[in-house]
Each structure stands twice: as structure tokens, then as C-alpha cells.
Amino acid sequence: MDRDVLVAGETLIDFIPDRPGPLDDIASFERRPGGAPANVAVALARLERPPLFWTRVGDDPFGRYLERRLVEYGLTDRWIERDEGAKTTLAFVTHDETGDRAFSFYRDGTADTRLESGRIDDDTLADCNWVHAGGVTLSSGSSRAATLDLLARAASAGCTVSFDPNLRPELWPDEGAFAGVAADALENVDVCLATVEELEALGVAGATPTAIARAAIDRWPLHTVFVTRGSDGAVAVSSADAPWPAAAVDHSGFEIDVIDTTGAGDAFVAGAIDALRSGRELGASVAFANAVGATATTESGAMTALPTREAVATVLEEE
């Protein structure tokens, strides 16, 4: 099977509450596999385009469970590393009545903070056309240097490089620290997928999401920026340097009954990668990504809610 996309980053356990409300009021949780890059990788596999996935989990019951689930979802275990000296990250999720969620991480020195530079060899990168990473592994440990190294080497190898800043304030001492490291990453990125809040934390300003996307393209060597807006859809801007036609697109998303938004942004990222890799123009890519993200909100959990291509097609047909 051709796996010309490489996704890199954390895999963790999401503990999903049995009802909405603050963490201190929740008595029961259900264990689910999660982690933004892991969700992106599995979402691509669900869309019938399984990527390579480089991640690191603890050599513990949670890590073994995650490895088994990733393989069950169609990912190869070639780059799923087990760390005998660290535990697997845990995240407790809470959500309100609208499905919006927050996270409480248990991630001090865990396996996903211990990725090592150079683990992805040059031959693997040479076979990849697209490399994607997220911002959580930039927040601590050797994974920061490893992620920056991978992005730089992928750019040098001629891969299209995409990046999701995925700001989680509780993982950073302050926004300034986040902005500095994420800016370093963006020097080797072609496609950025972010929220308005994340781009503003990076020091990018604009009167509208489209203006913010243009400002990000002006600031870094990016050629395409997606700005996600939750239930309001997304905008995307591409420059003349993009391998697809330059455009500015505003797509308002889809009306759908939301159960849980956990993983919806990651589903959007996977939809955008899949669409652009399939040769869709920017407008069709935003619509497809929004449909993937919207469909992922109709069930609880992150990976467990990621849709098939057929389910996404149903949403697109209703547009």
C-alpha cells in the first residue's frame, strides 16, 4: 500500500466524561484513544488513505492499547515506538452542553515528550510527498527538537509540510514561549491550519480571518493557510507560490447535530490534506475538510467518531 504521507506527534489516552460539566463534578469516564496527530493519521486511514505515523507511547498497558488500536485502524506499526522508561500521556476531557471541550493533561516526562531527532531516515522522507506535525510535541522534552528537525528535513527533501499549532495553554509557561517555538516551526511549513486565536497568539493580526490568513502568508514562507472557525466553517487563502491555484475561500460549514467536538479540528486537518493531495482546488478542499470535521462531531470521542468517505459524501450531498 502506498503511504506517501507521514504524520508525526503524540498519541494519548482521552478520558471522556459520561455527561457535560466541570471535571470536579464528573464521576465516570470512558477510555478512548486520542492525540491530535494520531487523530489526523487515523482520519486519513478512515478516508482510505492511511499514512505513515511516527509516535511514541509508554511500554505500559495504555501504550499497548494505543498501539493495538492504531494498527486496527489501518496504520503500520513501523514508526510506533515504545518507551520503556516513560508512561503514556493521559488527558481528561470535559465538555459543555454545546459539545465544546477542555482538557486536563497528565504529561510530565511522558513518552510523547521523548521523541528523538533523526529517527525518520532519509529514505523514508524521500518516499513521502507530504509531512504533517502539530504543536503539542513542541511544548517540552526532546520532542521539541525532534519535531523541528523533522520539519526542516522534510522541507529540504521537497515534501509539502503542513502544521497545526494546536495551542494548549496548560502545556506552555506562557503564550510568548508558544509563539517563539511555533514561529521556528513555521519557517519550514507550506500549509498552516489554525484557529484565529492560535494565529493571534503567534502575533498575526487582521480585521477578518481572511486578512489574518494573508498576514500569516506574508510573515512566513507559507503558501496556504486554513483558518478554522468551529461551527462557522473555515476560510482558506493560497498564494501564487502554492501548487494549486491562488484563491481566497470562505466556507460557512454544515448544519449538523453536534454530540462532541473532540477531534473535529483534527478531522478537518485530515480532510484538507486528503483533498489537496487528491488534486482538489482550494474551494473544494475547504468544503471537503469542513464536511469531514462536521461529521466527526456526530459521535462522542476523537478517533471513534472519525468518519468514512461515504459518511462525508452524504454530508456534502446535502449542501
C-alpha atoms as a PDB file:
ATOM      1  CA  MET A   1       0.000   0.000   0.000  1.00  0.00           C
ATOM      2  CA  ASP A   2       1.348   3.419  -0.980  1.00  0.00           C
ATOM      3  CA  ARG A   3       1.854   5.584   2.133  1.00  0.00           C
ATOM      4  CA  ASP A   4       3.182   8.873   0.809  1.00  0.00           C
ATOM      5  CA  VAL A   5       2.031  10.965   3.788  1.00  0.00           C
ATOM      6  CA  LEU A   6       3.880  10.991   7.116  1.00  0.00           C
ATOM      7  CA  VAL A   7       2.141  12.273  10.255  1.00  0.00           C
ATOM      8  CA  ALA A   8       4.203  12.825  13.396  1.00  0.00           C
ATOM      9  CA  GLY A   9       3.327  13.522  17.014  1.00  0.00           C
ATOM     10  CA  GLU A  10       1.604  12.431  20.183  1.00  0.00           C
ATOM     11  CA  THR A  11      -0.754   9.560  20.871  1.00  0.00           C
ATOM     12  CA  LEU A  12      -2.514   9.589  24.234  1.00  0.00           C
ATOM     13  CA  ILE A  13      -5.498   8.372  26.183  1.00  0.00           C
ATOM     14  CA  ASP A  14      -8.554  10.642  26.277  1.00  0.00           C
ATOM     15  CA  PHE A  15     -10.844  10.021  29.228  1.00  0.00           C
ATOM     16  CA  ILE A  16     -14.299  11.100  28.015  1.00  0.00           C
ATOM     17  CA  PRO A  17     -16.879  12.081  30.667  1.00  0.00           C
ATOM     18  CA  ASP A  18     -20.267  10.407  30.861  1.00  0.00           C
ATOM     19  CA  ARG A  19     -22.004  13.804  30.859  1.00  0.00           C
ATOM     20  CA  PRO A  20     -21.284  17.522  30.393  1.00  0.00           C
ATOM     21  CA  GLY A  21     -19.944  19.570  33.275  1.00  0.00           C
ATOM     22  CA  PRO A  22     -16.759  20.616  35.103  1.00  0.00           C
ATOM     23  CA  LEU A  23     -14.129  17.995  35.853  1.00  0.00           C
ATOM     24  CA  ASP A  24     -14.687  18.038  39.603  1.00  0.00           C
ATOM     25  CA  ASP A  25     -18.348  17.080  39.086  1.00  0.00           C
ATOM     26  CA  ILE A  26     -17.706  14.093  36.811  1.00  0.00           C
ATOM     27  CA  ALA A  27     -17.739  10.620  38.354  1.00  0.00           C
ATOM     28  CA  SER A  28     -17.289   8.362  35.321  1.00  0.00           C
ATOM     29  CA  PHE A  29     -15.083   8.455  32.228  1.00  0.00           C
ATOM     30  CA  GLU A  30     -14.625   6.193  29.222  1.00  0.00           C
ATOM     31  CA  ARG A  31     -11.141   5.470  27.892  1.00  0.00           C
ATOM     32  CA  ARG A  32     -10.635   6.469  24.253  1.00  0.00           C
ATOM     33  CA  PRO A  33      -7.517   6.732  22.037  1.00  0.00           C
ATOM     34  CA  GLY A  34      -6.556  10.309  21.132  1.00  0.00           C
ATOM     35  CA  GLY A  35      -3.858  12.876  20.423  1.00  0.00           C
ATOM     36  CA  ALA A  36      -4.185  15.375  17.574  1.00  0.00           C
ATOM     37  CA  PRO A  37      -1.628  13.858  15.151  1.00  0.00           C
ATOM     38  CA  ALA A  38      -2.906  10.357  15.962  1.00  0.00           C
ATOM     39  CA  ASN A  39      -6.419  11.543  15.138  1.00  0.00           C
ATOM     40  CA  VAL A  40      -5.194  13.029  11.860  1.00  0.00           C
ATOM     41  CA  ALA A  41      -3.436   9.784  10.939  1.00  0.00           C
ATOM     42  CA  VAL A  42      -6.469   7.645  11.740  1.00  0.00           C
ATOM     43  CA  ALA A  43      -8.797  10.079   9.956  1.00  0.00           C
ATOM     44  CA  LEU A  44      -6.674   9.725   6.820  1.00  0.00           C
ATOM     45  CA  ALA A  45      -6.870   5.944   7.167  1.00  0.00           C
ATOM     46  CA  ARG A  46     -10.668   6.167   7.543  1.00  0.00           C
ATOM     47  CA  LEU A  47     -10.688   8.198   4.325  1.00  0.00           C
ATOM     48  CA  GLU A  48      -8.890   5.263   2.683  1.00  0.00           C
ATOM     49  CA  ARG A  49      -5.504   6.982   2.596  1.00  0.00           C
ATOM     50  CA  PRO A  50      -3.528   5.524   5.522  1.00  0.00           C
ATOM     51  CA  PRO A  51      -0.304   7.431   6.213  1.00  0.00           C
ATOM     52  CA  LEU A  52       2.887   6.538   7.994  1.00  0.00           C
ATOM     53  CA  PHE A  53       2.610   7.632  11.611  1.00  0.00           C
ATOM     54  CA  TRP A  54       5.587   8.379  13.860  1.00  0.00           C
ATOM     55  CA  THR A  55       4.698   8.443  17.540  1.00  0.00           C
ATOM     56  CA  ARG A  56       5.975   7.259  20.918  1.00  0.00           C
ATOM     57  CA  VAL A  57       3.922   5.634  23.670  1.00  0.00           C
ATOM     58  CA  GLY A  58       4.831   4.156  27.033  1.00  0.00           C
ATOM     59  CA  ASP A  59       5.595   0.461  27.379  1.00  0.00           C
ATOM     60  CA  ASP A  60       2.604   0.190  29.693  1.00  0.00           C
ATOM     61  CA  PRO A  61      -0.990  -1.067  29.387  1.00  0.00           C
ATOM     62  CA  PHE A  62      -2.192   2.244  27.947  1.00  0.00           C
ATOM     63  CA  GLY A  63       0.601   2.329  25.382  1.00  0.00           C
ATOM     64  CA  ARG A  64      -0.009  -1.249  24.293  1.00  0.00           C
ATOM     65  CA  TYR A  65      -3.726  -0.496  23.979  1.00  0.00           C
ATOM     66  CA  LEU A  66      -2.995   2.543  21.804  1.00  0.00           C
ATOM     67  CA  GLU A  67      -0.596   0.651  19.564  1.00  0.00           C
ATOM     68  CA  ARG A  68      -3.168  -2.090  19.061  1.00  0.00           C
ATOM     69  CA  ARG A  69      -5.903   0.394  18.216  1.00  0.00           C
ATOM     70  CA  LEU A  70      -3.733   2.320  15.742  1.00  0.00           C
ATOM     71  CA  VAL A  71      -2.962  -0.892  13.888  1.00  0.00           C
ATOM     72  CA  GLU A  72      -6.647  -1.876  13.947  1.00  0.00           C
ATOM     73  CA  TYR A  73      -7.430   1.455  12.273  1.00  0.00           C
ATOM     74  CA  GLY A  74      -5.071   0.563   9.427  1.00  0.00           C
ATOM     75  CA  LEU A  75      -1.799   2.233  10.428  1.00  0.00           C
ATOM     76  CA  THR A  76       1.501   0.396  10.163  1.00  0.00           C
ATOM     77  CA  ASP A  77       3.425  -0.085  13.404  1.00  0.00           C
ATOM     78  CA  ARG A  78       6.759   0.650  11.659  1.00  0.00           C
ATOM     79  CA  TRP A  79       7.107   4.043  13.358  1.00  0.00           C
ATOM     80  CA  ILE A  80       5.103   3.433  16.541  1.00  0.00           C
ATOM     81  CA  GLU A  81       7.811   3.452  19.226  1.00  0.00           C
ATOM     82  CA  ARG A  82       7.523   2.019  22.740  1.00  0.00           C
ATOM     83  CA  ASP A  83       9.369   3.819  25.525  1.00  0.00           C
ATOM     84  CA  GLU A  84      10.393   1.517  28.370  1.00  0.00           C
ATOM     85  CA  GLY A  85      11.319   4.468  30.570  1.00  0.00           C
ATOM     86  CA  ALA A  86       8.191   6.602  30.393  1.00  0.00           C
ATOM     87  CA  LYS A  87       4.432   6.411  30.814  1.00  0.00           C
ATOM     88  CA  THR A  88       1.749   7.174  28.239  1.00  0.00           C
ATOM     89  CA  THR A  89       0.125  10.606  28.364  1.00  0.00           C
ATOM     90  CA  LEU A  90      -3.405  10.880  29.786  1.00  0.00           C
ATOM     91  CA  ALA A  91      -5.898  13.670  29.072  1.00  0.00           C
ATOM     92  CA  PHE A  92      -9.190  14.152  30.891  1.00  0.00           C
ATOM     93  CA  VAL A  93     -11.767  15.822  28.668  1.00  0.00           C
ATOM     94  CA  THR A  94     -14.704  17.938  29.792  1.00  0.00           C
ATOM     95  CA  HIS A  95     -17.381  19.438  27.581  1.00  0.00           C
ATOM     96  CA  ASP A  96     -20.365  21.741  27.939  1.00  0.00           C
ATOM     97  CA  GLU A  97     -23.903  21.365  26.624  1.00  0.00           C
ATOM     98  CA  THR A  98     -22.856  22.567  23.149  1.00  0.00           C
ATOM     99  CA  GLY A  99     -20.094  19.960  22.831  1.00  0.00           C
ATOM    100  CA  ASP A 100     -17.196  22.418  23.291  1.00  0.00           C
ATOM    101  CA  ARG A 101     -14.424  20.795  25.313  1.00  0.00           C
ATOM    102  CA  ALA A 102     -11.430  21.435  27.534  1.00  0.00           C
ATOM    103  CA  PHE A 103      -8.501  19.210  28.548  1.00  0.00           C
ATOM    104  CA  SER A 104      -6.578  18.419  31.704  1.00  0.00           C
ATOM    105  CA  PHE A 105      -3.252  16.737  30.804  1.00  0.00           C
ATOM    106  CA  TYR A 106      -1.100  14.303  32.782  1.00  0.00           C
ATOM    107  CA  ARG A 107       2.046  14.707  30.678  1.00  0.00           C
ATOM    108  CA  ASP A 108       5.149  15.224  32.825  1.00  0.00           C
ATOM    109  CA  GLY A 109       8.023  13.407  31.105  1.00  0.00           C
ATOM    110  CA  THR A 110       5.717  11.015  29.299  1.00  0.00           C
ATOM    111  CA  ALA A 111       6.682   9.053  26.197  1.00  0.00           C
ATOM    112  CA  ASP A 112       5.396  11.580  23.661  1.00  0.00           C
ATOM    113  CA  THR A 113       7.742  14.230  25.104  1.00  0.00           C
ATOM    114  CA  ARG A 114      10.719  11.947  24.318  1.00  0.00           C
ATOM    115  CA  LEU A 115      10.732  11.688  20.513  1.00  0.00           C
ATOM    116  CA  GLU A 116      14.317  11.717  19.231  1.00  0.00           C
ATOM    117  CA  SER A 117      15.785  13.631  16.292  1.00  0.00           C
ATOM    118  CA  GLY A 118      16.849  11.615  13.281  1.00  0.00           C
ATOM    119  CA  ARG A 119      14.582   8.641  13.876  1.00  0.00           C
ATOM    120  CA  ILE A 120      12.880   9.120  10.490  1.00  0.00           C
ATOM    121  CA  ASP A 121      15.537   8.176   7.956  1.00  0.00           C
ATOM    122  CA  ASP A 122      16.233   9.990   4.701  1.00  0.00           C
ATOM    123  CA  ASP A 123      14.889   7.143   2.550  1.00  0.00           C
ATOM    124  CA  THR A 124      11.508   7.329   4.297  1.00  0.00           C
ATOM    125  CA  LEU A 125      11.318  11.084   3.766  1.00  0.00           C
ATOM    126  CA  ALA A 126      12.318  10.662   0.122  1.00  0.00           C
ATOM    127  CA  ASP A 127       9.276   8.415  -0.361  1.00  0.00           C
ATOM    128  CA  CYS A 128       6.915  10.940   1.235  1.00  0.00           C
ATOM    129  CA  ASN A 129       5.215  13.753  -0.617  1.00  0.00           C
ATOM    130  CA  TRP A 130       3.579  15.263   2.483  1.00  0.00           C
ATOM    131  CA  VAL A 131       4.645  15.568   6.134  1.00  0.00           C
ATOM    132  CA  HIS A 132       2.336  16.832   8.897  1.00  0.00           C
ATOM    133  CA  ALA A 133       3.040  17.688  12.549  1.00  0.00           C
ATOM    134  CA  GLY A 134       1.334  19.509  15.406  1.00  0.00           C
ATOM    135  CA  GLY A 135       2.311  21.914  18.140  1.00  0.00           C
ATOM    136  CA  VAL A 136       1.916  19.773  21.262  1.00  0.00           C
ATOM    137  CA  THR A 137       5.244  17.955  20.775  1.00  0.00           C
ATOM    138  CA  LEU A 138       6.932  21.364  20.596  1.00  0.00           C
ATOM    139  CA  SER A 139       5.957  22.139  24.178  1.00  0.00           C
ATOM    140  CA  SER A 140       8.520  20.075  26.113  1.00  0.00           C
ATOM    141  CA  GLY A 141      11.266  17.473  26.182  1.00  0.00           C
ATOM    142  CA  SER A 142      13.392  16.173  23.336  1.00  0.00           C
ATOM    143  CA  SER A 143      10.263  16.071  21.176  1.00  0.00           C
ATOM    144  CA  ARG A 144      10.622  19.820  20.568  1.00  0.00           C
ATOM    145  CA  ALA A 145      13.976  19.439  18.816  1.00  0.00           C
ATOM    146  CA  ALA A 146      12.827  16.239  17.113  1.00  0.00           C
ATOM    147  CA  THR A 147       9.745  17.912  15.641  1.00  0.00           C
ATOM    148  CA  LEU A 148      11.666  20.967  14.442  1.00  0.00           C
ATOM    149  CA  ASP A 149      14.312  18.700  12.935  1.00  0.00           C
ATOM    150  CA  LEU A 150      11.704  16.624  11.093  1.00  0.00           C
ATOM    151  CA  LEU A 151      10.010  19.699   9.603  1.00  0.00           C
ATOM    152  CA  ALA A 152      13.324  21.132   8.429  1.00  0.00           C
ATOM    153  CA  ARG A 153      14.434  17.843   6.878  1.00  0.00           C
ATOM    154  CA  ALA A 154      11.037  17.312   5.235  1.00  0.00           C
ATOM    155  CA  ALA A 155      11.199  20.773   3.680  1.00  0.00           C
ATOM    156  CA  SER A 156      14.723  20.075   2.410  1.00  0.00           C
ATOM    157  CA  ALA A 157      13.515  16.767   0.941  1.00  0.00           C
ATOM    158  CA  GLY A 158      10.887  18.599  -1.099  1.00  0.00           C
ATOM    159  CA  CYS A 159       7.867  17.390   0.861  1.00  0.00           C
ATOM    160  CA  THR A 160       4.803  19.567   1.288  1.00  0.00           C
ATOM    161  CA  VAL A 161       4.882  20.344   5.015  1.00  0.00           C
ATOM    162  CA  SER A 162       1.733  21.110   6.988  1.00  0.00           C
ATOM    163  CA  PHE A 163       1.451  22.215  10.602  1.00  0.00           C
ATOM    164  CA  ASP A 164      -1.304  22.608  13.185  1.00  0.00           C
ATOM    165  CA  PRO A 165      -0.161  24.884  16.060  1.00  0.00           C
ATOM    166  CA  ASN A 166      -2.736  23.220  18.357  1.00  0.00           C
ATOM    167  CA  LEU A 167      -2.192  25.655  21.218  1.00  0.00           C
ATOM    168  CA  ARG A 168      -2.899  24.090  24.612  1.00  0.00           C
ATOM    169  CA  PRO A 169      -2.080  26.882  27.105  1.00  0.00           C
ATOM    170  CA  GLU A 170      -1.724  24.481  30.036  1.00  0.00           C
ATOM    171  CA  LEU A 171       1.290  22.894  28.300  1.00  0.00           C
ATOM    172  CA  TRP A 172       3.209  26.184  27.920  1.00  0.00           C
ATOM    173  CA  PRO A 173       4.587  28.594  30.543  1.00  0.00           C
ATOM    174  CA  ASP A 174       3.060  31.489  28.571  1.00  0.00           C
ATOM    175  CA  GLU A 175       1.936  32.476  25.075  1.00  0.00           C
ATOM    176  CA  GLY A 176       5.307  34.053  24.377  1.00  0.00           C
ATOM    177  CA  ALA A 177       7.041  30.694  24.729  1.00  0.00           C
ATOM    178  CA  PHE A 178       4.491  29.112  22.404  1.00  0.00           C
ATOM    179  CA  ALA A 179       4.838  31.883  19.844  1.00  0.00           C
ATOM    180  CA  GLY A 180       8.616  31.666  19.738  1.00  0.00           C
ATOM    181  CA  VAL A 181       8.817  27.910  19.189  1.00  0.00           C
ATOM    182  CA  ALA A 182       5.856  27.730  16.798  1.00  0.00           C
ATOM    183  CA  ALA A 183       7.378  30.554  14.740  1.00  0.00           C
ATOM    184  CA  ASP A 184      10.543  28.475  14.381  1.00  0.00           C
ATOM    185  CA  ALA A 185       8.439  25.579  13.100  1.00  0.00           C
ATOM    186  CA  LEU A 186       6.604  27.777  10.597  1.00  0.00           C
ATOM    187  CA  GLU A 187       9.872  28.680   8.860  1.00  0.00           C
ATOM    188  CA  ASN A 188       9.714  25.210   7.258  1.00  0.00           C
ATOM    189  CA  VAL A 189       5.959  24.942   6.694  1.00  0.00           C
ATOM    190  CA  ASP A 190       3.946  25.261   3.480  1.00  0.00           C
ATOM    191  CA  VAL A 191       0.397  24.770   4.794  1.00  0.00           C
ATOM    192  CA  CYS A 192      -0.757  26.039   8.205  1.00  0.00           C
ATOM    193  CA  LEU A 193      -4.107  25.016   9.687  1.00  0.00           C
ATOM    194  CA  ALA A 194      -5.042  27.054  12.747  1.00  0.00           C
ATOM    195  CA  THR A 195      -7.733  28.934  14.618  1.00  0.00           C
ATOM    196  CA  VAL A 196      -7.935  32.724  14.778  1.00  0.00           C
ATOM    197  CA  GLU A 197      -6.892  32.532  18.437  1.00  0.00           C
ATOM    198  CA  GLU A 198      -3.802  30.497  17.621  1.00  0.00           C
ATOM    199  CA  LEU A 199      -2.699  32.866  14.875  1.00  0.00           C
ATOM    200  CA  GLU A 200      -3.284  35.848  17.160  1.00  0.00           C
ATOM    201  CA  ALA A 201      -1.140  34.114  19.818  1.00  0.00           C
ATOM    202  CA  LEU A 202       1.550  33.912  17.139  1.00  0.00           C
ATOM    203  CA  GLY A 203       1.340  37.685  16.726  1.00  0.00           C
ATOM    204  CA  VAL A 204      -0.641  37.692  13.466  1.00  0.00           C
ATOM    205  CA  ALA A 205      -3.343  40.348  13.263  1.00  0.00           C
ATOM    206  CA  GLY A 206      -6.132  41.166  10.845  1.00  0.00           C
ATOM    207  CA  ALA A 207      -9.682  42.502  10.751  1.00  0.00           C
ATOM    208  CA  THR A 208     -11.087  39.239   9.363  1.00  0.00           C
ATOM    209  CA  PRO A 209      -9.993  35.584   9.264  1.00  0.00           C
ATOM    210  CA  THR A 210      -9.098  36.068   5.594  1.00  0.00           C
ATOM    211  CA  ALA A 211      -6.918  39.064   6.441  1.00  0.00           C
ATOM    212  CA  ILE A 212      -5.256  37.078   9.233  1.00  0.00           C
ATOM    213  CA  ALA A 213      -4.518  34.239   6.801  1.00  0.00           C
ATOM    214  CA  ARG A 214      -2.968  36.697   4.317  1.00  0.00           C
ATOM    215  CA  ALA A 215      -0.865  38.233   7.087  1.00  0.00           C
ATOM    216  CA  ALA A 216       0.452  34.794   8.068  1.00  0.00           C
ATOM    217  CA  ILE A 217       1.433  34.118   4.438  1.00  0.00           C
ATOM    218  CA  ASP A 218       3.235  37.462   4.349  1.00  0.00           C
ATOM    219  CA  ARG A 219       5.116  36.696   7.562  1.00  0.00           C
ATOM    220  CA  TRP A 220       6.344  33.119   6.983  1.00  0.00           C
ATOM    221  CA  PRO A 221       7.270  31.021   3.929  1.00  0.00           C
ATOM    222  CA  LEU A 222       3.714  29.635   3.853  1.00  0.00           C
ATOM    223  CA  HIS A 223       1.771  29.373   0.621  1.00  0.00           C
ATOM    224  CA  THR A 224      -1.574  28.215   2.093  1.00  0.00           C
ATOM    225  CA  VAL A 225      -3.374  28.984   5.353  1.00  0.00           C
ATOM    226  CA  PHE A 226      -6.622  27.486   6.627  1.00  0.00           C
ATOM    227  CA  VAL A 227      -8.342  29.343   9.460  1.00  0.00           C
ATOM    228  CA  THR A 228     -10.891  27.160  11.219  1.00  0.00           C
ATOM    229  CA  ARG A 229     -13.940  28.700  12.894  1.00  0.00           C
ATOM    230  CA  GLY A 230     -15.729  25.755  14.500  1.00  0.00           C
ATOM    231  CA  SER A 231     -19.408  25.623  13.617  1.00  0.00           C
ATOM    232  CA  ASP A 232     -18.960  28.703  11.402  1.00  0.00           C
ATOM    233  CA  GLY A 233     -16.783  26.769   8.956  1.00  0.00           C
ATOM    234  CA  ALA A 234     -13.387  27.892   7.729  1.00  0.00           C
ATOM    235  CA  VAL A 235     -11.572  30.237   5.393  1.00  0.00           C
ATOM    236  CA  ALA A 236      -8.526  29.421   3.329  1.00  0.00           C
ATOM    237  CA  VAL A 237      -6.071  31.545   1.381  1.00  0.00           C
ATOM    238  CA  SER A 238      -3.388  30.357  -1.031  1.00  0.00           C
ATOM    239  CA  SER A 239      -0.730  32.434  -2.752  1.00  0.00           C
ATOM    240  CA  ALA A 240       0.760  32.224  -6.219  1.00  0.00           C
ATOM    241  CA  ASP A 241       3.501  30.003  -4.758  1.00  0.00           C
ATOM    242  CA  ALA A 242       1.019  27.208  -3.997  1.00  0.00           C
ATOM    243  CA  PRO A 243       0.870  24.115  -6.238  1.00  0.00           C
ATOM    244  CA  TRP A 244      -2.877  24.752  -6.541  1.00  0.00           C
ATOM    245  CA  PRO A 245      -4.421  27.969  -7.916  1.00  0.00           C
ATOM    246  CA  ALA A 246      -4.174  31.079  -5.735  1.00  0.00           C
ATOM    247  CA  ALA A 247      -7.514  31.755  -4.075  1.00  0.00           C
ATOM    248  CA  ALA A 248      -9.343  33.087  -1.045  1.00  0.00           C
ATOM    249  CA  VAL A 249     -12.298  30.952   0.066  1.00  0.00           C
ATOM    250  CA  ASP A 250     -14.885  31.351   2.825  1.00  0.00           C
ATOM    251  CA  HIS A 251     -16.996  28.257   3.517  1.00  0.00           C
ATOM    252  CA  SER A 252     -19.650  28.516   6.233  1.00  0.00           C
ATOM    253  CA  GLY A 253     -19.654  24.842   7.179  1.00  0.00           C
ATOM    254  CA  PHE A 254     -22.564  22.449   7.598  1.00  0.00           C
ATOM    255  CA  GLU A 255     -25.643  22.322   9.812  1.00  0.00           C
ATOM    256  CA  ILE A 256     -25.339  19.142  11.860  1.00  0.00           C
ATOM    257  CA  ASP A 257     -26.464  17.781  15.228  1.00  0.00           C
ATOM    258  CA  VAL A 258     -23.368  18.064  17.418  1.00  0.00           C
ATOM    259  CA  ILE A 259     -22.680  15.462  20.110  1.00  0.00           C
ATOM    260  CA  ASP A 260     -18.996  16.084  20.873  1.00  0.00           C
ATOM    261  CA  THR A 261     -16.452  18.352  19.153  1.00  0.00           C
ATOM    262  CA  THR A 262     -13.419  16.377  20.392  1.00  0.00           C
ATOM    263  CA  GLY A 263     -11.252  15.584  17.369  1.00  0.00           C
ATOM    264  CA  ALA A 264     -13.278  17.680  14.917  1.00  0.00           C
ATOM    265  CA  GLY A 265     -10.355  20.010  14.207  1.00  0.00           C
ATOM    266  CA  ASP A 266      -8.098  17.019  13.585  1.00  0.00           C
ATOM    267  CA  ALA A 267     -10.685  15.555  11.221  1.00  0.00           C
ATOM    268  CA  PHE A 268     -10.703  18.894   9.376  1.00  0.00           C
ATOM    269  CA  VAL A 269      -6.912  18.741   9.032  1.00  0.00           C
ATOM    270  CA  ALA A 270      -7.078  15.230   7.599  1.00  0.00           C
ATOM    271  CA  GLY A 271      -9.821  16.290   5.197  1.00  0.00           C
ATOM    272  CA  ALA A 272      -7.755  19.219   3.965  1.00  0.00           C
ATOM    273  CA  ILE A 273      -4.670  17.056   3.440  1.00  0.00           C
ATOM    274  CA  ASP A 274      -6.673  14.368   1.659  1.00  0.00           C
ATOM    275  CA  ALA A 275      -8.416  16.884  -0.607  1.00  0.00           C
ATOM    276  CA  LEU A 276      -5.297  18.793  -1.588  1.00  0.00           C
ATOM    277  CA  ARG A 277      -3.324  15.582  -2.139  1.00  0.00           C
ATOM    278  CA  SER A 278      -6.156  14.369  -4.372  1.00  0.00           C
ATOM    279  CA  GLY A 279      -5.832  17.423  -6.631  1.00  0.00           C
ATOM    280  CA  ARG A 280      -8.909  19.365  -5.496  1.00  0.00           C
ATOM    281  CA  GLU A 281      -8.757  23.125  -5.799  1.00  0.00           C
ATOM    282  CA  LEU A 282      -8.819  25.200  -2.632  1.00  0.00           C
ATOM    283  CA  GLY A 283     -12.571  25.838  -2.554  1.00  0.00           C
ATOM    284  CA  ALA A 284     -13.449  22.155  -2.895  1.00  0.00           C
ATOM    285  CA  SER A 285     -10.768  21.297  -0.337  1.00  0.00           C
ATOM    286  CA  VAL A 286     -12.253  23.636   2.290  1.00  0.00           C
ATOM    287  CA  ALA A 287     -15.737  22.199   1.682  1.00  0.00           C
ATOM    288  CA  PHE A 288     -14.463  18.638   1.981  1.00  0.00           C
ATOM    289  CA  ALA A 289     -12.453  19.415   5.137  1.00  0.00           C
ATOM    290  CA  ASN A 290     -15.476  21.094   6.714  1.00  0.00           C
ATOM    291  CA  ALA A 291     -17.607  18.061   5.891  1.00  0.00           C
ATOM    292  CA  VAL A 292     -15.084  15.698   7.486  1.00  0.00           C
ATOM    293  CA  GLY A 293     -14.859  17.890  10.584  1.00  0.00           C
ATOM    294  CA  ALA A 294     -18.634  18.275  10.888  1.00  0.00           C
ATOM    295  CA  THR A 295     -19.294  14.558  10.512  1.00  0.00           C
ATOM    296  CA  ALA A 296     -16.784  13.841  13.283  1.00  0.00           C
ATOM    297  CA  THR A 297     -18.940  15.772  15.787  1.00  0.00           C
ATOM    298  CA  THR A 298     -21.916  13.425  15.462  1.00  0.00           C
ATOM    299  CA  GLU A 299     -20.458  10.846  17.887  1.00  0.00           C
ATOM    300  CA  SER A 300     -18.504  11.126  21.137  1.00  0.00           C
ATOM    301  CA  GLY A 301     -14.753  10.716  21.325  1.00  0.00           C
ATOM    302  CA  ALA A 302     -11.995  11.565  18.886  1.00  0.00           C
ATOM    303  CA  MET A 303     -10.803   8.534  16.866  1.00  0.00           C
ATOM    304  CA  THR A 304     -14.018   6.631  17.430  1.00  0.00           C
ATOM    305  CA  ALA A 305     -16.016   9.418  15.759  1.00  0.00           C
ATOM    306  CA  LEU A 306     -13.830   9.850  12.671  1.00  0.00           C
ATOM    307  CA  PRO A 307     -15.945   9.352   9.537  1.00  0.00           C
ATOM    308  CA  THR A 308     -15.646   7.193   6.465  1.00  0.00           C
ATOM    309  CA  ARG A 309     -15.519   8.694   2.983  1.00  0.00           C
ATOM    310  CA  GLU A 310     -19.092   7.533   2.423  1.00  0.00           C
ATOM    311  CA  ALA A 311     -20.351   9.369   5.518  1.00  0.00           C
ATOM    312  CA  VAL A 312     -18.594  12.555   4.384  1.00  0.00           C
ATOM    313  CA  ALA A 313     -20.102  12.223   0.905  1.00  0.00           C
ATOM    314  CA  THR A 314     -23.567  12.154   2.459  1.00  0.00           C
ATOM    315  CA  VAL A 315     -22.947  15.491   4.188  1.00  0.00           C
ATOM    316  CA  LEU A 316     -21.546  17.040   1.005  1.00  0.00           C
ATOM    317  CA  GLU A 317     -24.590  15.907  -0.983  1.00  0.00           C
ATOM    318  CA  GLU A 318     -26.839  17.795   1.440  1.00  0.00           C
ATOM    319  CA  GLU A 319     -25.011  21.102   0.881  1.00  0.00           C
END
